Amino acid sequence: MKDSPISLSVDFEKDGIQHGYLKLPHSHDGSAWGSIVIPITVAKNGNGPTILFTGANHGDEYEGPVALFDLANHIRSSDIKGRVIIIPGMNYPAFQAGKRTSPIDGGNMNRVFPGNPEGTFTEKIADYFNRTLLPLADYVVDFHSGGKTLDFLPFCCAHFLDDKEQQSRCIDAMKAFNAPHSVMLLEIDAVNMYDTAAENMGKVFISTELGGGGSTTAYSVEIAKKGIRNLLKHTGICEGDLEVSETLNLDMPDQRCYIFSESTGLLEHCVDLGDPVSEGQLVAKIYNIEKTGDEPAEYFAGIDGIYTGRHFPGLIVNGDFLGVVAVPV
């Protein structure tokens, strides 16, 4: 396979703190011989585990980038044993534009793995992660939140895996992160995801959903920062005791957890995030905005549990995700 077109300004094997870039050539109307430069920080001190932190896999999700830029500013090599790789803006063009997907090629970073060094711009970035960065890591932490179109209870998540020993290590990392909610997440479609690429390499992989609406709160950012501190201790990269508070363990046993819109119109939420719901309970209505007098379409929970995520904007279209119910364990 062709070498990656991405060049690197840091040395992964050098001790100390390095702030640099992943540089990917990008010829466009505003810069014929230009490049996109993706910020990266590498902190290393001797031998030890490697943890790879990423944010803005989707460019309109901000808790991770805020916490990771903060980590890059404050991490000291003398405080660690091992290596920490920090990339706050994984899909950097999307991050710069405040969009879920890349404005260059429309690429959704979390749907193009393993990538392609001769493919689209987004596929080239994914290929670099797949062939260069993921192999370096023992632990991979990818920060997500709802972005502009979703809203979630703040949670850290792991996945059900065929390798139960690997799954157990992922669950241990999820527990160490210690978000207010810990979810065994059932993906709608795991094909071509960064998560799947990391898990297929045997890595300890966890992710988050830390709110939504395309912004941050002090509460959600602190969850991310605390999770980072805890994981650095859990991995043995830093010393110290974990900061532990109560977490609600949630499971997603099957597709009954998901609710999708089959209507287009104005969305009325009938329950709030965190509310307990019962199978068959009304959770939302959708009104036809083109005509008064029509009864709204009604949507119901398919399983008993906790209302964990929902569509965020007030308008919704046929096929949109509407809500998700997770089951307390």
C-alpha atoms as a PDB file:
ATOM      1  CA  MET A   1       0.000   0.000   0.000  1.00  0.00           C
ATOM      2  CA  LYS A   2       1.172   3.535  -0.740  1.00  0.00           C
ATOM      3  CA  ASP A   3       2.818   5.496   2.073  1.00  0.00           C
ATOM      4  CA  SER A   4       0.681   8.092   3.828  1.00  0.00           C
ATOM      5  CA  PRO A   5       0.924  11.621   2.409  1.00  0.00           C
ATOM      6  CA  ILE A   6       0.837  12.938   5.993  1.00  0.00           C
ATOM      7  CA  SER A   7       4.117  14.165   7.452  1.00  0.00           C
ATOM      8  CA  LEU A   8       4.839  14.580  11.163  1.00  0.00           C
ATOM      9  CA  SER A   9       6.727  17.311  13.034  1.00  0.00           C
ATOM     10  CA  VAL A  10       7.153  15.390  16.306  1.00  0.00           C
ATOM     11  CA  ASP A  11       9.109  12.279  17.299  1.00  0.00           C
ATOM     12  CA  PHE A  12       7.037   9.604  19.044  1.00  0.00           C
ATOM     13  CA  GLU A  13      10.183   8.075  20.598  1.00  0.00           C
ATOM     14  CA  LYS A  14      11.622  11.269  22.092  1.00  0.00           C
ATOM     15  CA  ASP A  15      11.256  11.971  25.802  1.00  0.00           C
ATOM     16  CA  GLY A  16       9.762  15.284  26.900  1.00  0.00           C
ATOM     17  CA  ILE A  17       6.861  17.407  25.674  1.00  0.00           C
ATOM     18  CA  GLN A  18       6.461  18.133  21.970  1.00  0.00           C
ATOM     19  CA  HIS A  19       3.780  20.290  20.372  1.00  0.00           C
ATOM     20  CA  GLY A  20       3.571  19.906  16.618  1.00  0.00           C
ATOM     21  CA  TYR A  21       1.449  18.988  13.627  1.00  0.00           C
ATOM     22  CA  LEU A  22       0.262  16.302  11.299  1.00  0.00           C
ATOM     23  CA  LYS A  23       0.626  17.968   7.892  1.00  0.00           C
ATOM     24  CA  LEU A  24      -1.509  16.877   4.936  1.00  0.00           C
ATOM     25  CA  PRO A  25      -1.122  18.687   1.581  1.00  0.00           C
ATOM     26  CA  HIS A  26      -4.341  20.306   0.391  1.00  0.00           C
ATOM     27  CA  SER A  27      -4.430  22.233  -2.883  1.00  0.00           C
ATOM     28  CA  HIS A  28      -7.461  24.509  -3.112  1.00  0.00           C
ATOM     29  CA  ASP A  29      -8.585  27.851  -4.509  1.00  0.00           C
ATOM     30  CA  GLY A  30      -7.171  29.808  -1.585  1.00  0.00           C
ATOM     31  CA  SER A  31      -3.791  28.051  -1.471  1.00  0.00           C
ATOM     32  CA  ALA A  32      -2.536  26.128  -4.497  1.00  0.00           C
ATOM     33  CA  TRP A  33       0.268  24.452  -2.556  1.00  0.00           C
ATOM     34  CA  GLY A  34      -1.366  24.573   0.848  1.00  0.00           C
ATOM     35  CA  SER A  35      -1.726  22.051   3.651  1.00  0.00           C
ATOM     36  CA  ILE A  36      -4.036  21.242   6.538  1.00  0.00           C
ATOM     37  CA  VAL A  37      -2.024  21.067   9.761  1.00  0.00           C
ATOM     38  CA  ILE A  38      -3.589  19.077  12.593  1.00  0.00           C
ATOM     39  CA  PRO A  39      -2.272  19.948  16.086  1.00  0.00           C
ATOM     40  CA  ILE A  40      -0.717  17.107  18.083  1.00  0.00           C
ATOM     41  CA  THR A  41       1.034  16.911  21.453  1.00  0.00           C
ATOM     42  CA  VAL A  42       3.245  14.015  22.505  1.00  0.00           C
ATOM     43  CA  ALA A  43       4.362  13.631  26.112  1.00  0.00           C
ATOM     44  CA  LYS A  44       6.830  10.841  26.887  1.00  0.00           C
ATOM     45  CA  ASN A  45       8.938   9.732  29.808  1.00  0.00           C
ATOM     46  CA  GLY A  46      10.732   6.412  29.508  1.00  0.00           C
ATOM     47  CA  ASN A  47       9.021   3.095  29.002  1.00  0.00           C
ATOM     48  CA  GLY A  48       5.402   2.481  29.840  1.00  0.00           C
ATOM     49  CA  PRO A  49       1.961   2.282  28.292  1.00  0.00           C
ATOM     50  CA  THR A  50       0.775   4.584  25.518  1.00  0.00           C
ATOM     51  CA  ILE A  51      -2.632   6.269  25.631  1.00  0.00           C
ATOM     52  CA  LEU A  52      -4.061   8.018  22.570  1.00  0.00           C
ATOM     53  CA  PHE A  53      -6.622  10.760  23.279  1.00  0.00           C
ATOM     54  CA  THR A  54      -8.714  12.099  20.391  1.00  0.00           C
ATOM     55  CA  GLY A  55     -11.420  14.732  20.104  1.00  0.00           C
ATOM     56  CA  ALA A  56     -13.500  16.200  17.255  1.00  0.00           C
ATOM     57  CA  ASN A  57     -13.789  12.933  15.368  1.00  0.00           C
ATOM     58  CA  HIS A  58     -16.961  14.858  14.555  1.00  0.00           C
ATOM     59  CA  GLY A  59     -16.188  18.534  14.263  1.00  0.00           C
ATOM     60  CA  ASP A  60     -19.183  19.963  16.158  1.00  0.00           C
ATOM     61  CA  GLU A  61     -18.504  18.081  19.417  1.00  0.00           C
ATOM     62  CA  TYR A  62     -16.518  20.212  21.842  1.00  0.00           C
ATOM     63  CA  GLU A  63     -16.101  18.700  25.323  1.00  0.00           C
ATOM     64  CA  GLY A  64     -13.226  16.508  24.164  1.00  0.00           C
ATOM     65  CA  PRO A  65     -11.315  19.256  22.351  1.00  0.00           C
ATOM     66  CA  VAL A  66     -11.650  21.644  25.322  1.00  0.00           C
ATOM     67  CA  ALA A  67     -10.377  19.015  27.775  1.00  0.00           C
ATOM     68  CA  LEU A  68      -7.567  17.913  25.446  1.00  0.00           C
ATOM     69  CA  PHE A  69      -6.280  21.394  24.651  1.00  0.00           C
ATOM     70  CA  ASP A  70      -6.237  21.938  28.420  1.00  0.00           C
ATOM     71  CA  LEU A  71      -4.338  18.667  28.932  1.00  0.00           C
ATOM     72  CA  ALA A  72      -1.797  19.620  26.260  1.00  0.00           C
ATOM     73  CA  ASN A  73      -1.182  22.923  28.067  1.00  0.00           C
ATOM     74  CA  HIS A  74      -0.629  21.372  31.482  1.00  0.00           C
ATOM     75  CA  ILE A  75       0.866  17.894  31.044  1.00  0.00           C
ATOM     76  CA  ARG A  76       4.458  17.507  32.251  1.00  0.00           C
ATOM     77  CA  SER A  77       6.720  14.663  31.218  1.00  0.00           C
ATOM     78  CA  SER A  78       8.121  14.452  34.756  1.00  0.00           C
ATOM     79  CA  ASP A  79       4.639  13.507  35.992  1.00  0.00           C
ATOM     80  CA  ILE A  80       4.191  10.539  33.675  1.00  0.00           C
ATOM     81  CA  LYS A  81       5.713   7.150  32.955  1.00  0.00           C
ATOM     82  CA  GLY A  82       5.024   6.093  29.385  1.00  0.00           C
ATOM     83  CA  ARG A  83       3.551   8.085  26.520  1.00  0.00           C
ATOM     84  CA  VAL A  84       0.497  10.294  26.000  1.00  0.00           C
ATOM     85  CA  ILE A  85      -0.578  11.289  22.467  1.00  0.00           C
ATOM     86  CA  ILE A  86      -3.115  14.127  22.312  1.00  0.00           C
ATOM     87  CA  ILE A  87      -5.019  15.103  19.156  1.00  0.00           C
ATOM     88  CA  PRO A  88      -7.855  17.504  20.068  1.00  0.00           C
ATOM     89  CA  GLY A  89      -9.106  17.931  16.475  1.00  0.00           C
ATOM     90  CA  MET A  90      -9.064  14.558  14.719  1.00  0.00           C
ATOM     91  CA  ASN A  91     -11.223  15.649  11.761  1.00  0.00           C
ATOM     92  CA  TYR A  92      -9.575  19.056  11.762  1.00  0.00           C
ATOM     93  CA  PRO A  93     -11.331  20.573   8.703  1.00  0.00           C
ATOM     94  CA  ALA A  94     -14.710  19.671  10.240  1.00  0.00           C
ATOM     95  CA  PHE A  95     -13.557  21.052  13.599  1.00  0.00           C
ATOM     96  CA  GLN A  96     -12.481  24.352  12.045  1.00  0.00           C
ATOM     97  CA  ALA A  97     -15.834  24.646  10.277  1.00  0.00           C
ATOM     98  CA  GLY A  98     -17.920  23.626  13.298  1.00  0.00           C
ATOM     99  CA  LYS A  99     -19.510  20.835  11.271  1.00  0.00           C
ATOM    100  CA  ARG A 100     -20.005  17.138  11.908  1.00  0.00           C
ATOM    101  CA  THR A 101     -18.391  16.248   8.584  1.00  0.00           C
ATOM    102  CA  SER A 102     -15.516  17.648   6.573  1.00  0.00           C
ATOM    103  CA  PRO A 103     -16.246  20.714   4.418  1.00  0.00           C
ATOM    104  CA  ILE A 104     -13.541  19.497   2.022  1.00  0.00           C
ATOM    105  CA  ASP A 105     -15.071  16.181   0.956  1.00  0.00           C
ATOM    106  CA  GLY A 106     -18.145  15.708   3.168  1.00  0.00           C
ATOM    107  CA  GLY A 107     -16.335  12.871   4.938  1.00  0.00           C
ATOM    108  CA  ASN A 108     -17.615  11.514   8.249  1.00  0.00           C
ATOM    109  CA  MET A 109     -14.372  10.482   9.963  1.00  0.00           C
ATOM    110  CA  ASN A 110     -16.093   7.837  12.046  1.00  0.00           C
ATOM    111  CA  ARG A 111     -17.465   6.051   8.966  1.00  0.00           C
ATOM    112  CA  VAL A 112     -14.397   5.748   6.691  1.00  0.00           C
ATOM    113  CA  PHE A 113     -11.969   3.444   8.535  1.00  0.00           C
ATOM    114  CA  PRO A 114      -9.552   1.875   7.751  1.00  0.00           C
ATOM    115  CA  GLY A 115      -9.091   4.796   5.354  1.00  0.00           C
ATOM    116  CA  ASN A 116      -7.068   5.012   2.180  1.00  0.00           C
ATOM    117  CA  PRO A 117      -3.791   6.898   1.540  1.00  0.00           C
ATOM    118  CA  GLU A 118      -4.947   7.512  -2.049  1.00  0.00           C
ATOM    119  CA  GLY A 119      -8.574   8.257  -1.200  1.00  0.00           C
ATOM    120  CA  THR A 120     -10.499  11.337  -0.152  1.00  0.00           C
ATOM    121  CA  PHE A 121      -9.051  13.880   2.255  1.00  0.00           C
ATOM    122  CA  THR A 122     -10.895  12.322   5.196  1.00  0.00           C
ATOM    123  CA  GLU A 123      -9.845   8.811   4.172  1.00  0.00           C
ATOM    124  CA  LYS A 124      -6.198   9.933   4.145  1.00  0.00           C
ATOM    125  CA  ILE A 125      -6.460  11.114   7.761  1.00  0.00           C
ATOM    126  CA  ALA A 126      -8.208   7.882   8.777  1.00  0.00           C
ATOM    127  CA  ASP A 127      -5.485   5.841   7.085  1.00  0.00           C
ATOM    128  CA  TYR A 128      -2.812   7.654   9.109  1.00  0.00           C
ATOM    129  CA  PHE A 129      -4.626   6.899  12.321  1.00  0.00           C
ATOM    130  CA  ASN A 130      -5.186   3.299  11.288  1.00  0.00           C
ATOM    131  CA  ARG A 131      -1.640   2.495  10.155  1.00  0.00           C
ATOM    132  CA  THR A 132       0.481   4.815  12.314  1.00  0.00           C
ATOM    133  CA  LEU A 133      -1.268   6.058  15.455  1.00  0.00           C
ATOM    134  CA  LEU A 134      -3.466   3.142  16.555  1.00  0.00           C
ATOM    135  CA  PRO A 135      -0.586   0.622  16.423  1.00  0.00           C
ATOM    136  CA  LEU A 136       1.358   2.820  18.872  1.00  0.00           C
ATOM    137  CA  ALA A 137      -1.430   2.836  21.465  1.00  0.00           C
ATOM    138  CA  ASP A 138      -2.337   0.464  24.268  1.00  0.00           C
ATOM    139  CA  TYR A 139      -5.371   2.562  25.257  1.00  0.00           C
ATOM    140  CA  VAL A 140      -7.533   4.676  22.947  1.00  0.00           C
ATOM    141  CA  VAL A 141     -10.002   7.262  24.249  1.00  0.00           C
ATOM    142  CA  ASP A 142     -12.214   9.010  21.694  1.00  0.00           C
ATOM    143  CA  PHE A 143     -14.330  11.878  23.026  1.00  0.00           C
ATOM    144  CA  HIS A 144     -17.787  12.398  21.556  1.00  0.00           C
ATOM    145  CA  SER A 145     -20.888  14.381  22.457  1.00  0.00           C
ATOM    146  CA  GLY A 146     -24.140  15.016  20.654  1.00  0.00           C
ATOM    147  CA  GLY A 147     -22.979  17.861  18.439  1.00  0.00           C
ATOM    148  CA  LYS A 148     -25.607  20.119  16.919  1.00  0.00           C
ATOM    149  CA  THR A 149     -28.231  17.421  16.309  1.00  0.00           C
ATOM    150  CA  LEU A 150     -28.196  15.187  19.410  1.00  0.00           C
ATOM    151  CA  ASP A 151     -28.275  15.477  23.187  1.00  0.00           C
ATOM    152  CA  PHE A 152     -27.263  12.801  25.696  1.00  0.00           C
ATOM    153  CA  LEU A 153     -27.006  12.073  29.349  1.00  0.00           C
ATOM    154  CA  PRO A 154     -23.242  12.349  29.934  1.00  0.00           C
ATOM    155  CA  PHE A 155     -21.777   8.864  29.676  1.00  0.00           C
ATOM    156  CA  CYS A 156     -18.657   6.864  29.011  1.00  0.00           C
ATOM    157  CA  CYS A 157     -19.128   3.696  26.983  1.00  0.00           C
ATOM    158  CA  ALA A 158     -17.601   0.402  25.962  1.00  0.00           C
ATOM    159  CA  HIS A 159     -18.838  -2.217  23.495  1.00  0.00           C
ATOM    160  CA  PHE A 160     -19.723  -5.868  23.608  1.00  0.00           C
ATOM    161  CA  LEU A 161     -16.798  -7.721  21.979  1.00  0.00           C
ATOM    162  CA  ASP A 162     -16.191 -11.284  20.863  1.00  0.00           C
ATOM    163  CA  ASP A 163     -12.951 -11.275  22.878  1.00  0.00           C
ATOM    164  CA  LYS A 164     -14.323 -11.213  26.424  1.00  0.00           C
ATOM    165  CA  GLU A 165     -10.918 -10.594  28.014  1.00  0.00           C
ATOM    166  CA  GLN A 166     -10.491  -7.494  25.836  1.00  0.00           C
ATOM    167  CA  GLN A 167     -14.065  -6.477  26.627  1.00  0.00           C
ATOM    168  CA  SER A 168     -13.319  -6.774  30.347  1.00  0.00           C
ATOM    169  CA  ARG A 169     -10.309  -4.458  30.011  1.00  0.00           C
ATOM    170  CA  CYS A 170     -12.435  -1.941  28.120  1.00  0.00           C
ATOM    171  CA  ILE A 171     -15.102  -2.087  30.844  1.00  0.00           C
ATOM    172  CA  ASP A 172     -12.424  -1.540  33.497  1.00  0.00           C
ATOM    173  CA  ALA A 173     -11.285   1.591  31.632  1.00  0.00           C
ATOM    174  CA  MET A 174     -14.895   2.785  31.289  1.00  0.00           C
ATOM    175  CA  LYS A 175     -15.393   2.343  35.028  1.00  0.00           C
ATOM    176  CA  ALA A 176     -12.156   4.188  35.761  1.00  0.00           C
ATOM    177  CA  PHE A 177     -13.306   7.128  33.620  1.00  0.00           C
ATOM    178  CA  ASN A 178     -16.207   7.322  36.089  1.00  0.00           C
ATOM    179  CA  ALA A 179     -18.704   9.404  34.125  1.00  0.00           C
ATOM    180  CA  PRO A 180     -22.123   9.893  35.741  1.00  0.00           C
ATOM    181  CA  HIS A 181     -23.391   7.099  33.451  1.00  0.00           C
ATOM    182  CA  SER A 182     -21.513   4.053  32.142  1.00  0.00           C
ATOM    183  CA  VAL A 183     -23.082   2.438  29.077  1.00  0.00           C
ATOM    184  CA  MET A 184     -22.528  -0.806  27.206  1.00  0.00           C
ATOM    185  CA  LEU A 185     -23.304   0.808  23.883  1.00  0.00           C
ATOM    186  CA  LEU A 186     -25.040  -0.943  21.015  1.00  0.00           C
ATOM    187  CA  GLU A 187     -24.025   0.945  17.859  1.00  0.00           C
ATOM    188  CA  ILE A 188     -26.559   1.503  15.084  1.00  0.00           C
ATOM    189  CA  ASP A 189     -23.862   0.550  12.568  1.00  0.00           C
ATOM    190  CA  ALA A 190     -20.296  -0.245  13.669  1.00  0.00           C
ATOM    191  CA  VAL A 191     -18.894  -0.795  10.159  1.00  0.00           C
ATOM    192  CA  ASN A 192     -15.959   1.501   9.238  1.00  0.00           C
ATOM    193  CA  MET A 193     -15.899   3.152  12.681  1.00  0.00           C
ATOM    194  CA  TYR A 194     -12.703   4.283  14.430  1.00  0.00           C
ATOM    195  CA  ASP A 195     -13.976   2.307  17.425  1.00  0.00           C
ATOM    196  CA  THR A 196     -14.107  -0.909  15.420  1.00  0.00           C
ATOM    197  CA  ALA A 197     -10.665  -0.343  13.888  1.00  0.00           C
ATOM    198  CA  ALA A 198      -9.106   0.082  17.353  1.00  0.00           C
ATOM    199  CA  GLU A 199     -10.976  -2.879  18.833  1.00  0.00           C
ATOM    200  CA  ASN A 200      -9.992  -5.113  15.895  1.00  0.00           C
ATOM    201  CA  MET A 201      -6.348  -4.385  16.779  1.00  0.00           C
ATOM    202  CA  GLY A 202      -6.959  -5.570  20.342  1.00  0.00           C
ATOM    203  CA  LYS A 203      -6.737  -2.095  21.869  1.00  0.00           C
ATOM    204  CA  VAL A 204      -8.524  -1.012  25.032  1.00  0.00           C
ATOM    205  CA  PHE A 205     -11.015   1.410  23.516  1.00  0.00           C
ATOM    206  CA  ILE A 206     -13.600   3.600  25.228  1.00  0.00           C
ATOM    207  CA  SER A 207     -15.637   6.550  24.072  1.00  0.00           C
ATOM    208  CA  THR A 208     -18.046   9.116  25.487  1.00  0.00           C
ATOM    209  CA  GLU A 209     -21.188  11.068  24.794  1.00  0.00           C
ATOM    210  CA  LEU A 210     -21.009  14.130  27.043  1.00  0.00           C
ATOM    211  CA  GLY A 211     -24.088  16.213  26.308  1.00  0.00           C
ATOM    212  CA  GLY A 212     -24.916  17.886  23.025  1.00  0.00           C
ATOM    213  CA  GLY A 213     -26.400  20.862  21.251  1.00  0.00           C
ATOM    214  CA  GLY A 214     -23.118  21.909  19.652  1.00  0.00           C
ATOM    215  CA  SER A 215     -21.669  23.611  22.735  1.00  0.00           C
ATOM    216  CA  THR A 216     -20.289  22.783  26.186  1.00  0.00           C
ATOM    217  CA  THR A 217     -21.153  23.300  29.826  1.00  0.00           C
ATOM    218  CA  ALA A 218     -18.849  23.599  32.818  1.00  0.00           C
ATOM    219  CA  TYR A 219     -20.404  20.344  34.046  1.00  0.00           C
ATOM    220  CA  SER A 220     -19.733  18.360  30.860  1.00  0.00           C
ATOM    221  CA  VAL A 221     -16.179  19.659  30.420  1.00  0.00           C
ATOM    222  CA  GLU A 222     -15.302  18.757  34.005  1.00  0.00           C
ATOM    223  CA  ILE A 223     -16.552  15.209  33.376  1.00  0.00           C
ATOM    224  CA  ALA A 224     -14.096  14.995  30.469  1.00  0.00           C
ATOM    225  CA  LYS A 225     -11.197  16.452  32.468  1.00  0.00           C
ATOM    226  CA  LYS A 226     -11.831  14.180  35.443  1.00  0.00           C
ATOM    227  CA  GLY A 227     -12.064  11.186  33.121  1.00  0.00           C
ATOM    228  CA  ILE A 228      -8.674  12.037  31.624  1.00  0.00           C
ATOM    229  CA  ARG A 229      -7.093  12.324  35.074  1.00  0.00           C
ATOM    230  CA  ASN A 230      -8.578   9.001  36.125  1.00  0.00           C
ATOM    231  CA  LEU A 231      -7.469   7.173  32.974  1.00  0.00           C
ATOM    232  CA  LEU A 232      -3.906   8.409  33.296  1.00  0.00           C
ATOM    233  CA  LYS A 233      -3.889   6.873  36.770  1.00  0.00           C
ATOM    234  CA  HIS A 234      -5.759   3.722  35.738  1.00  0.00           C
ATOM    235  CA  THR A 235      -3.187   2.994  33.024  1.00  0.00           C
ATOM    236  CA  GLY A 236      -0.261   3.568  35.384  1.00  0.00           C
ATOM    237  CA  ILE A 237       0.984   6.519  33.343  1.00  0.00           C
ATOM    238  CA  CYS A 238       0.385   8.797  36.341  1.00  0.00           C
ATOM    239  CA  GLU A 239       0.396   7.999  40.034  1.00  0.00           C
ATOM    240  CA  GLY A 240      -2.435   8.651  42.462  1.00  0.00           C
ATOM    241  CA  ASP A 241      -5.884   7.533  43.478  1.00  0.00           C
ATOM    242  CA  LEU A 242      -8.882   7.704  41.179  1.00  0.00           C
ATOM    243  CA  GLU A 243     -11.517  10.388  41.762  1.00  0.00           C
ATOM    244  CA  VAL A 244     -14.591   8.233  42.221  1.00  0.00           C
ATOM    245  CA  SER A 245     -18.232   9.294  42.417  1.00  0.00           C
ATOM    246  CA  GLU A 246     -21.498   7.495  41.754  1.00  0.00           C
ATOM    247  CA  THR A 247     -22.175   6.167  38.252  1.00  0.00           C
ATOM    248  CA  LEU A 248     -25.336   4.580  36.872  1.00  0.00           C
ATOM    249  CA  ASN A 249     -24.563   1.457  34.834  1.00  0.00           C
ATOM    250  CA  LEU A 250     -26.712   1.124  31.717  1.00  0.00           C
ATOM    251  CA  ASP A 251     -27.067  -1.574  29.082  1.00  0.00           C
ATOM    252  CA  MET A 252     -28.494  -1.556  25.554  1.00  0.00           C
ATOM    253  CA  PRO A 253     -29.632  -5.148  24.990  1.00  0.00           C
ATOM    254  CA  ASP A 254     -31.073  -4.843  21.470  1.00  0.00           C
ATOM    255  CA  GLN A 255     -32.473  -2.534  18.798  1.00  0.00           C
ATOM    256  CA  ARG A 256     -35.655  -1.926  20.831  1.00  0.00           C
ATOM    257  CA  CYS A 257     -33.593   0.730  22.602  1.00  0.00           C
ATOM    258  CA  TYR A 258     -33.673   2.987  19.538  1.00  0.00           C
ATOM    259  CA  ILE A 259     -36.555   5.152  18.337  1.00  0.00           C
ATOM    260  CA  PHE A 260     -36.464   6.673  14.837  1.00  0.00           C
ATOM    261  CA  SER A 261     -38.746   9.232  13.257  1.00  0.00           C
ATOM    262  CA  GLU A 262     -41.082   8.156  10.467  1.00  0.00           C
ATOM    263  CA  SER A 263     -42.463  11.699  10.154  1.00  0.00           C
ATOM    264  CA  THR A 264     -41.278  15.173   9.224  1.00  0.00           C
ATOM    265  CA  GLY A 265     -42.254  18.179  11.286  1.00  0.00           C
ATOM    266  CA  LEU A 266     -42.117  19.851  14.688  1.00  0.00           C
ATOM    267  CA  LEU A 267     -40.859  17.686  17.564  1.00  0.00           C
ATOM    268  CA  GLU A 268     -42.437  17.724  21.026  1.00  0.00           C
ATOM    269  CA  HIS A 269     -40.470  15.825  23.662  1.00  0.00           C
ATOM    270  CA  CYS A 270     -42.833  14.194  26.162  1.00  0.00           C
ATOM    271  CA  VAL A 271     -40.077  12.991  28.498  1.00  0.00           C
ATOM    272  CA  ASP A 272     -36.728  14.475  29.465  1.00  0.00           C
ATOM    273  CA  LEU A 273     -33.264  12.982  29.496  1.00  0.00           C
ATOM    274  CA  GLY A 274     -32.788  10.881  32.617  1.00  0.00           C
ATOM    275  CA  ASP A 275     -36.497  10.155  33.027  1.00  0.00           C
ATOM    276  CA  PRO A 276     -37.488   6.530  33.648  1.00  0.00           C
ATOM    277  CA  VAL A 277     -39.742   5.209  30.881  1.00  0.00           C
ATOM    278  CA  SER A 278     -41.783   2.047  30.414  1.00  0.00           C
ATOM    279  CA  GLU A 279     -42.309  -0.011  27.293  1.00  0.00           C
ATOM    280  CA  GLY A 280     -45.186   1.550  25.336  1.00  0.00           C
ATOM    281  CA  GLN A 281     -44.900   4.946  27.075  1.00  0.00           C
ATOM    282  CA  LEU A 282     -45.343   8.044  24.914  1.00  0.00           C
ATOM    283  CA  VAL A 283     -41.965   9.769  24.529  1.00  0.00           C
ATOM    284  CA  ALA A 284     -42.508  12.210  21.646  1.00  0.00           C
ATOM    285  CA  LYS A 285     -44.975  13.734  19.204  1.00  0.00           C
ATOM    286  CA  ILE A 286     -44.303  15.148  15.752  1.00  0.00           C
ATOM    287  CA  TYR A 287     -46.629  17.792  14.290  1.00  0.00           C
ATOM    288  CA  ASN A 288     -47.205  18.427  10.603  1.00  0.00           C
ATOM    289  CA  ILE A 289     -46.050  22.040  10.201  1.00  0.00           C
ATOM    290  CA  GLU A 290     -47.683  22.452   6.775  1.00  0.00           C
ATOM    291  CA  LYS A 291     -51.251  22.147   8.022  1.00  0.00           C
ATOM    292  CA  THR A 292     -53.115  22.838  11.260  1.00  0.00           C
ATOM    293  CA  GLY A 293     -55.688  20.392  12.538  1.00  0.00           C
ATOM    294  CA  ASP A 294     -53.698  17.215  11.856  1.00  0.00           C
ATOM    295  CA  GLU A 295     -53.138  14.967  14.868  1.00  0.00           C
ATOM    296  CA  PRO A 296     -49.417  14.568  15.646  1.00  0.00           C
ATOM    297  CA  ALA A 297     -47.609  11.300  15.045  1.00  0.00           C
ATOM    298  CA  GLU A 298     -46.842   9.625  18.364  1.00  0.00           C
ATOM    299  CA  TYR A 299     -43.723   7.687  19.335  1.00  0.00           C
ATOM    300  CA  PHE A 300     -43.363   5.201  22.170  1.00  0.00           C
ATOM    301  CA  ALA A 301     -40.582   3.540  24.154  1.00  0.00           C
ATOM    302  CA  GLY A 302     -39.841   0.015  22.999  1.00  0.00           C
ATOM    303  CA  ILE A 303     -38.304  -1.097  26.272  1.00  0.00           C
ATOM    304  CA  ASP A 304     -38.274  -0.222  29.990  1.00  0.00           C
ATOM    305  CA  GLY A 305     -35.334   1.946  31.016  1.00  0.00           C
ATOM    306  CA  ILE A 306     -33.876   5.447  31.222  1.00  0.00           C
ATOM    307  CA  TYR A 307     -34.273   8.019  28.442  1.00  0.00           C
ATOM    308  CA  THR A 308     -30.593   8.433  27.564  1.00  0.00           C
ATOM    309  CA  GLY A 309     -30.398  10.372  24.292  1.00  0.00           C
ATOM    310  CA  ARG A 310     -32.615  12.370  21.952  1.00  0.00           C
ATOM    311  CA  HIS A 311     -32.819  14.447  18.798  1.00  0.00           C
ATOM    312  CA  PHE A 312     -31.823  18.027  19.618  1.00  0.00           C
ATOM    313  CA  PRO A 313     -33.229  20.537  17.078  1.00  0.00           C
ATOM    314  CA  GLY A 314     -36.921  21.377  17.212  1.00  0.00           C
ATOM    315  CA  LEU A 315     -37.544  20.182  13.652  1.00  0.00           C
ATOM    316  CA  ILE A 316     -37.117  16.568  12.589  1.00  0.00           C
ATOM    317  CA  VAL A 317     -37.373  14.648   9.319  1.00  0.00           C
ATOM    318  CA  ASN A 318     -38.338  11.123   8.361  1.00  0.00           C
ATOM    319  CA  GLY A 319     -35.463   8.768   9.184  1.00  0.00           C
ATOM    320  CA  ASP A 320     -33.884  10.919  11.911  1.00  0.00           C
ATOM    321  CA  PHE A 321     -32.833   9.433  15.209  1.00  0.00           C
ATOM    322  CA  LEU A 322     -35.480  10.471  17.744  1.00  0.00           C
ATOM    323  CA  GLY A 323     -34.456   8.912  21.055  1.00  0.00           C
ATOM    324  CA  VAL A 324     -32.747   6.033  22.831  1.00  0.00           C
ATOM    325  CA  VAL A 325     -33.596   4.126  26.006  1.00  0.00           C
ATOM    326  CA  ALA A 326     -30.922   2.312  28.024  1.00  0.00           C
ATOM    327  CA  VAL A 327     -31.593  -0.221  30.751  1.00  0.00           C
ATOM    328  CA  PRO A 328     -30.183   0.159  34.297  1.00  0.00           C
ATOM    329  CA  VAL A 329     -28.034  -2.802  35.324  1.00  0.00           C
END
